[in-house]
N, C-alpha and C. Protein backbone atom coordinates (compact mmCIF):
# COMPACT_ATOMS: atom_id res chain seq x y z
N GLN A 1 9.24 -47.17 -4.00
CA GLN A 1 8.43 -46.80 -2.85
C GLN A 1 8.72 -45.36 -2.47
N VAL A 2 7.68 -44.61 -2.18
CA VAL A 2 7.81 -43.22 -1.79
C VAL A 2 8.37 -43.14 -0.37
N GLN A 3 9.41 -42.35 -0.19
CA GLN A 3 10.01 -42.17 1.12
C GLN A 3 10.46 -40.74 1.31
N LEU A 4 10.35 -40.26 2.55
CA LEU A 4 10.90 -38.99 2.98
C LEU A 4 11.76 -39.25 4.20
N VAL A 5 13.00 -38.77 4.19
CA VAL A 5 13.93 -39.01 5.27
C VAL A 5 14.49 -37.68 5.75
N GLU A 6 14.23 -37.36 7.02
CA GLU A 6 14.74 -36.13 7.62
C GLU A 6 16.11 -36.38 8.25
N SER A 7 16.92 -35.34 8.26
CA SER A 7 18.21 -35.40 8.94
C SER A 7 18.62 -33.99 9.33
N GLY A 8 19.64 -33.89 10.17
CA GLY A 8 20.20 -32.60 10.55
C GLY A 8 19.84 -32.11 11.92
N GLY A 9 18.99 -32.84 12.63
CA GLY A 9 18.63 -32.43 13.97
C GLY A 9 19.77 -32.65 14.95
N GLY A 10 19.59 -32.14 16.16
CA GLY A 10 20.60 -32.28 17.18
C GLY A 10 20.38 -31.33 18.32
N LEU A 11 21.40 -31.21 19.16
CA LEU A 11 21.38 -30.33 20.32
C LEU A 11 22.12 -29.04 19.99
N VAL A 12 21.49 -27.91 20.27
CA VAL A 12 22.09 -26.62 20.00
C VAL A 12 21.73 -25.65 21.12
N GLN A 13 22.62 -24.71 21.40
CA GLN A 13 22.35 -23.70 22.42
C GLN A 13 21.42 -22.63 21.89
N PRO A 14 20.68 -21.95 22.77
CA PRO A 14 19.86 -20.83 22.32
C PRO A 14 20.67 -19.82 21.52
N GLY A 15 20.08 -19.35 20.42
CA GLY A 15 20.77 -18.45 19.52
C GLY A 15 21.54 -19.15 18.42
N GLY A 16 21.67 -20.45 18.50
CA GLY A 16 22.40 -21.21 17.51
C GLY A 16 21.57 -21.53 16.28
N SER A 17 22.17 -22.29 15.38
CA SER A 17 21.55 -22.61 14.10
C SER A 17 21.65 -24.09 13.78
N LEU A 18 20.69 -24.58 13.03
CA LEU A 18 20.69 -25.92 12.47
C LEU A 18 20.07 -25.86 11.09
N ARG A 19 20.48 -26.78 10.22
CA ARG A 19 19.84 -26.94 8.93
C ARG A 19 19.31 -28.35 8.81
N LEU A 20 18.00 -28.47 8.67
CA LEU A 20 17.36 -29.75 8.48
C LEU A 20 17.23 -30.06 7.00
N SER A 21 17.36 -31.34 6.67
CA SER A 21 17.21 -31.79 5.29
C SER A 21 16.08 -32.81 5.20
N CYS A 22 15.36 -32.78 4.11
CA CYS A 22 14.31 -33.74 3.82
C CYS A 22 14.58 -34.31 2.44
N ALA A 23 15.08 -35.53 2.39
CA ALA A 23 15.42 -36.18 1.14
C ALA A 23 14.26 -37.04 0.67
N ALA A 24 13.80 -36.80 -0.55
CA ALA A 24 12.68 -37.53 -1.11
C ALA A 24 13.16 -38.57 -2.11
N SER A 25 12.51 -39.72 -2.11
CA SER A 25 12.78 -40.76 -3.08
C SER A 25 11.47 -41.38 -3.53
N GLY A 26 11.45 -41.91 -4.74
CA GLY A 26 10.25 -42.52 -5.27
C GLY A 26 9.31 -41.55 -5.96
N PHE A 27 9.61 -40.28 -5.92
CA PHE A 27 8.83 -39.25 -6.60
C PHE A 27 9.69 -38.02 -6.76
N THR A 28 9.27 -37.11 -7.61
CA THR A 28 10.02 -35.88 -7.83
C THR A 28 9.33 -34.71 -7.15
N LEU A 29 10.13 -33.82 -6.59
CA LEU A 29 9.60 -32.64 -5.93
C LEU A 29 8.99 -31.64 -6.90
N ASP A 30 9.19 -31.85 -8.18
CA ASP A 30 8.61 -30.95 -9.18
C ASP A 30 7.10 -30.85 -9.07
N TYR A 31 6.46 -31.90 -8.58
CA TYR A 31 5.00 -31.95 -8.56
C TYR A 31 4.42 -32.07 -7.15
N TYR A 32 5.22 -31.81 -6.15
CA TYR A 32 4.78 -31.91 -4.77
C TYR A 32 5.19 -30.68 -3.97
N ALA A 33 4.27 -30.21 -3.15
CA ALA A 33 4.63 -29.25 -2.12
C ALA A 33 5.21 -30.00 -0.92
N ILE A 34 6.16 -29.37 -0.24
CA ILE A 34 6.76 -29.97 0.93
C ILE A 34 6.53 -29.05 2.14
N GLY A 35 6.08 -29.65 3.21
CA GLY A 35 5.88 -28.91 4.45
C GLY A 35 6.75 -29.44 5.56
N TRP A 36 7.14 -28.54 6.46
CA TRP A 36 7.80 -28.91 7.70
C TRP A 36 6.84 -28.72 8.86
N PHE A 37 6.77 -29.71 9.71
CA PHE A 37 5.92 -29.69 10.89
C PHE A 37 6.78 -30.03 12.10
N ARG A 38 6.27 -29.70 13.28
CA ARG A 38 6.98 -30.07 14.49
C ARG A 38 5.98 -30.43 15.59
N GLN A 39 6.44 -31.27 16.50
CA GLN A 39 5.61 -31.67 17.62
C GLN A 39 6.47 -31.78 18.87
N ALA A 40 6.13 -30.99 19.87
CA ALA A 40 6.79 -31.04 21.15
C ALA A 40 6.04 -31.98 22.07
N PRO A 41 6.70 -32.54 23.09
CA PRO A 41 6.03 -33.46 24.01
C PRO A 41 4.78 -32.83 24.63
N GLY A 42 3.67 -33.56 24.57
CA GLY A 42 2.42 -33.09 25.16
C GLY A 42 1.69 -32.04 24.37
N LYS A 43 2.18 -31.70 23.18
CA LYS A 43 1.55 -30.68 22.36
C LYS A 43 1.12 -31.24 21.01
N GLU A 44 0.19 -30.55 20.37
CA GLU A 44 -0.27 -30.96 19.06
C GLU A 44 0.77 -30.63 18.00
N ARG A 45 0.71 -31.36 16.89
CA ARG A 45 1.60 -31.09 15.78
C ARG A 45 1.28 -29.73 15.17
N GLU A 46 2.32 -28.99 14.83
CA GLU A 46 2.20 -27.63 14.34
C GLU A 46 2.87 -27.50 12.98
N GLY A 47 2.19 -26.86 12.04
CA GLY A 47 2.82 -26.55 10.77
C GLY A 47 3.80 -25.41 10.94
N VAL A 48 5.01 -25.58 10.43
CA VAL A 48 6.08 -24.60 10.59
C VAL A 48 6.32 -23.82 9.30
N SER A 49 6.46 -24.53 8.19
CA SER A 49 6.80 -23.91 6.93
C SER A 49 6.43 -24.84 5.79
N CYS A 50 6.21 -24.27 4.62
CA CYS A 50 5.99 -25.09 3.44
C CYS A 50 6.45 -24.34 2.20
N ILE A 51 6.71 -25.11 1.14
CA ILE A 51 7.11 -24.54 -0.14
C ILE A 51 6.35 -25.26 -1.23
N SER A 52 5.80 -24.51 -2.17
CA SER A 52 4.97 -25.08 -3.21
C SER A 52 5.82 -25.69 -4.31
N SER A 53 5.19 -26.54 -5.12
CA SER A 53 5.89 -27.20 -6.21
C SER A 53 5.97 -26.34 -7.47
N SER A 54 4.90 -25.60 -7.76
CA SER A 54 4.79 -24.90 -9.03
C SER A 54 5.47 -23.54 -9.05
N ASP A 55 5.14 -22.69 -8.10
CA ASP A 55 5.63 -21.32 -8.11
C ASP A 55 6.66 -21.02 -7.03
N GLY A 56 6.97 -21.98 -6.17
CA GLY A 56 7.95 -21.78 -5.13
C GLY A 56 7.48 -20.90 -3.99
N ASN A 57 6.19 -20.64 -3.91
CA ASN A 57 5.65 -19.83 -2.82
C ASN A 57 5.95 -20.49 -1.48
N THR A 58 6.30 -19.67 -0.49
CA THR A 58 6.66 -20.18 0.83
C THR A 58 5.72 -19.65 1.89
N TYR A 59 5.64 -20.40 2.97
CA TYR A 59 4.81 -20.05 4.11
C TYR A 59 5.60 -20.31 5.38
N TYR A 60 5.41 -19.43 6.37
CA TYR A 60 6.02 -19.59 7.68
C TYR A 60 5.01 -19.25 8.76
N VAL A 61 4.96 -20.06 9.79
CA VAL A 61 4.16 -19.71 10.94
C VAL A 61 4.79 -18.48 11.61
N ASP A 62 3.96 -17.65 12.22
CA ASP A 62 4.43 -16.37 12.74
C ASP A 62 5.61 -16.51 13.70
N SER A 63 5.62 -17.56 14.48
CA SER A 63 6.64 -17.71 15.50
C SER A 63 8.05 -17.93 14.95
N VAL A 64 8.17 -18.29 13.68
CA VAL A 64 9.49 -18.54 13.10
C VAL A 64 9.86 -17.56 11.99
N LYS A 65 8.97 -16.66 11.64
CA LYS A 65 9.26 -15.69 10.58
C LYS A 65 10.49 -14.86 10.93
N GLY A 66 11.37 -14.71 9.95
CA GLY A 66 12.60 -13.98 10.15
C GLY A 66 13.72 -14.81 10.72
N ARG A 67 13.42 -16.02 11.18
CA ARG A 67 14.44 -16.90 11.75
C ARG A 67 14.66 -18.15 10.92
N PHE A 68 13.59 -18.70 10.34
CA PHE A 68 13.67 -19.93 9.55
C PHE A 68 13.52 -19.62 8.07
N THR A 69 14.18 -20.41 7.23
CA THR A 69 14.07 -20.28 5.79
C THR A 69 13.94 -21.65 5.16
N ILE A 70 12.90 -21.84 4.34
CA ILE A 70 12.71 -23.09 3.63
C ILE A 70 13.22 -22.93 2.20
N SER A 71 13.83 -23.97 1.67
CA SER A 71 14.33 -23.94 0.30
C SER A 71 14.35 -25.36 -0.24
N LYS A 72 14.52 -25.49 -1.54
CA LYS A 72 14.61 -26.82 -2.13
C LYS A 72 15.60 -26.86 -3.27
N ASP A 73 16.14 -28.04 -3.48
CA ASP A 73 17.06 -28.31 -4.57
C ASP A 73 16.43 -29.44 -5.38
N ASN A 74 15.80 -29.11 -6.49
CA ASN A 74 15.12 -30.12 -7.29
C ASN A 74 16.09 -31.16 -7.84
N GLY A 75 17.30 -30.74 -8.15
CA GLY A 75 18.30 -31.68 -8.66
C GLY A 75 18.65 -32.76 -7.66
N LYS A 76 18.68 -32.40 -6.39
CA LYS A 76 18.96 -33.36 -5.32
C LYS A 76 17.69 -33.95 -4.72
N ASN A 77 16.53 -33.46 -5.17
CA ASN A 77 15.25 -33.92 -4.64
C ASN A 77 15.20 -33.77 -3.12
N THR A 78 15.67 -32.63 -2.65
CA THR A 78 15.81 -32.39 -1.22
C THR A 78 15.28 -31.01 -0.86
N VAL A 79 14.58 -30.93 0.27
CA VAL A 79 14.10 -29.68 0.83
C VAL A 79 14.83 -29.42 2.13
N TYR A 80 15.15 -28.15 2.38
CA TYR A 80 15.90 -27.77 3.56
C TYR A 80 15.10 -26.80 4.42
N LEU A 81 15.39 -26.83 5.70
CA LEU A 81 14.86 -25.83 6.62
C LEU A 81 16.04 -25.28 7.41
N GLN A 82 16.45 -24.07 7.07
CA GLN A 82 17.52 -23.39 7.80
C GLN A 82 16.91 -22.71 9.01
N MET A 83 17.38 -23.04 10.19
CA MET A 83 16.84 -22.52 11.43
C MET A 83 17.92 -21.72 12.14
N ASN A 84 17.71 -20.42 12.27
CA ASN A 84 18.63 -19.52 12.94
C ASN A 84 17.99 -18.95 14.19
N SER A 85 18.82 -18.39 15.05
CA SER A 85 18.35 -17.76 16.28
C SER A 85 17.40 -18.67 17.05
N LEU A 86 17.80 -19.90 17.21
CA LEU A 86 16.93 -20.89 17.82
C LEU A 86 16.63 -20.57 19.28
N LYS A 87 15.42 -20.90 19.68
CA LYS A 87 14.93 -20.66 21.03
C LYS A 87 14.55 -21.99 21.68
N PRO A 88 14.55 -22.05 23.01
CA PRO A 88 14.14 -23.29 23.67
C PRO A 88 12.76 -23.77 23.24
N GLU A 89 11.84 -22.87 22.94
CA GLU A 89 10.52 -23.26 22.51
C GLU A 89 10.48 -23.87 21.12
N ASP A 90 11.60 -23.84 20.40
CA ASP A 90 11.69 -24.54 19.12
C ASP A 90 11.96 -26.03 19.29
N THR A 91 12.23 -26.45 20.51
CA THR A 91 12.52 -27.86 20.77
C THR A 91 11.32 -28.72 20.40
N ALA A 92 11.55 -29.71 19.54
CA ALA A 92 10.48 -30.58 19.06
C ALA A 92 11.08 -31.62 18.13
N VAL A 93 10.26 -32.60 17.78
CA VAL A 93 10.57 -33.48 16.67
C VAL A 93 10.05 -32.81 15.41
N TYR A 94 10.90 -32.67 14.42
CA TYR A 94 10.54 -32.01 13.16
C TYR A 94 10.32 -33.05 12.08
N TYR A 95 9.21 -32.92 11.36
CA TYR A 95 8.83 -33.83 10.30
C TYR A 95 8.69 -33.08 8.99
N CYS A 96 9.02 -33.72 7.89
CA CYS A 96 8.67 -33.20 6.58
C CYS A 96 7.57 -34.06 5.99
N ALA A 97 6.77 -33.45 5.13
CA ALA A 97 5.65 -34.14 4.50
C ALA A 97 5.46 -33.61 3.09
N ALA A 98 4.90 -34.45 2.23
CA ALA A 98 4.71 -34.11 0.82
C ALA A 98 3.23 -34.11 0.46
N ARG A 99 2.85 -33.12 -0.36
CA ARG A 99 1.47 -33.00 -0.84
C ARG A 99 1.49 -32.84 -2.36
N ALA A 100 0.78 -33.71 -3.05
CA ALA A 100 0.71 -33.64 -4.51
C ALA A 100 0.01 -32.36 -4.94
N SER A 101 0.46 -31.81 -6.06
CA SER A 101 -0.16 -30.61 -6.61
C SER A 101 -1.65 -30.83 -6.82
N GLY A 102 -2.45 -29.91 -6.32
CA GLY A 102 -3.89 -30.01 -6.44
C GLY A 102 -4.57 -30.80 -5.34
N SER A 103 -3.80 -31.44 -4.47
CA SER A 103 -4.36 -32.20 -3.36
C SER A 103 -4.47 -31.31 -2.13
N SER A 104 -5.39 -31.69 -1.24
CA SER A 104 -5.63 -30.89 -0.04
C SER A 104 -4.85 -31.36 1.17
N GLY A 105 -4.36 -32.59 1.14
CA GLY A 105 -3.68 -33.15 2.29
C GLY A 105 -2.28 -33.63 2.00
N TYR A 106 -1.50 -33.79 3.07
CA TYR A 106 -0.15 -34.31 2.96
C TYR A 106 -0.20 -35.83 3.07
N GLY A 107 0.13 -36.51 2.00
CA GLY A 107 -0.01 -37.95 1.93
C GLY A 107 1.20 -38.75 2.35
N TYR A 108 2.37 -38.11 2.39
CA TYR A 108 3.60 -38.80 2.72
C TYR A 108 4.33 -38.06 3.83
N TRP A 109 4.82 -38.82 4.80
CA TRP A 109 5.48 -38.25 5.98
C TRP A 109 6.78 -38.98 6.26
N GLY A 110 7.76 -38.22 6.73
CA GLY A 110 8.99 -38.81 7.21
C GLY A 110 8.88 -39.25 8.65
N GLN A 111 9.96 -39.81 9.18
CA GLN A 111 9.97 -40.33 10.55
C GLN A 111 10.34 -39.28 11.59
N GLY A 112 10.88 -38.16 11.17
CA GLY A 112 11.18 -37.08 12.08
C GLY A 112 12.63 -37.04 12.52
N THR A 113 13.06 -35.85 12.93
CA THR A 113 14.38 -35.65 13.48
C THR A 113 14.27 -34.73 14.69
N GLN A 114 14.97 -35.07 15.76
CA GLN A 114 14.86 -34.34 17.02
C GLN A 114 15.71 -33.08 16.99
N VAL A 115 15.10 -31.97 17.39
CA VAL A 115 15.80 -30.70 17.59
C VAL A 115 15.63 -30.30 19.05
N THR A 116 16.75 -30.12 19.74
CA THR A 116 16.72 -29.71 21.13
C THR A 116 17.53 -28.43 21.29
N VAL A 117 16.90 -27.40 21.83
CA VAL A 117 17.55 -26.11 22.05
C VAL A 117 17.63 -25.89 23.56
N SER A 118 18.84 -25.93 24.08
CA SER A 118 19.03 -25.87 25.53
C SER A 118 20.43 -25.40 25.84
N SER A 119 20.56 -24.72 26.99
CA SER A 119 21.87 -24.31 27.48
C SER A 119 22.60 -25.46 28.16
């Protein structure tokens, strides 16, 4: 069964760092792009970052450029989101999702991990 499991969230002070992990099972990341999304209370879900399966191309929403870095380890079938210089507005539930190569939508989603940035 295809599964995505996020981990690494928690409480951090402004300016701090966290690294989120997205562990995939039931499929290989070699043929899937992985995206990170977040949703804050009362707000719509927002795409944060993604990494492609074929060429490793990365994308970041403007608000996190220079602060967040997405990477993957195909051997561990895991994608990471390194988050530095965190701000209170980064507070949200963070989700990872998988999209098959050549597909337009993300077909698999994890359950999310909470990130809270507060003094």
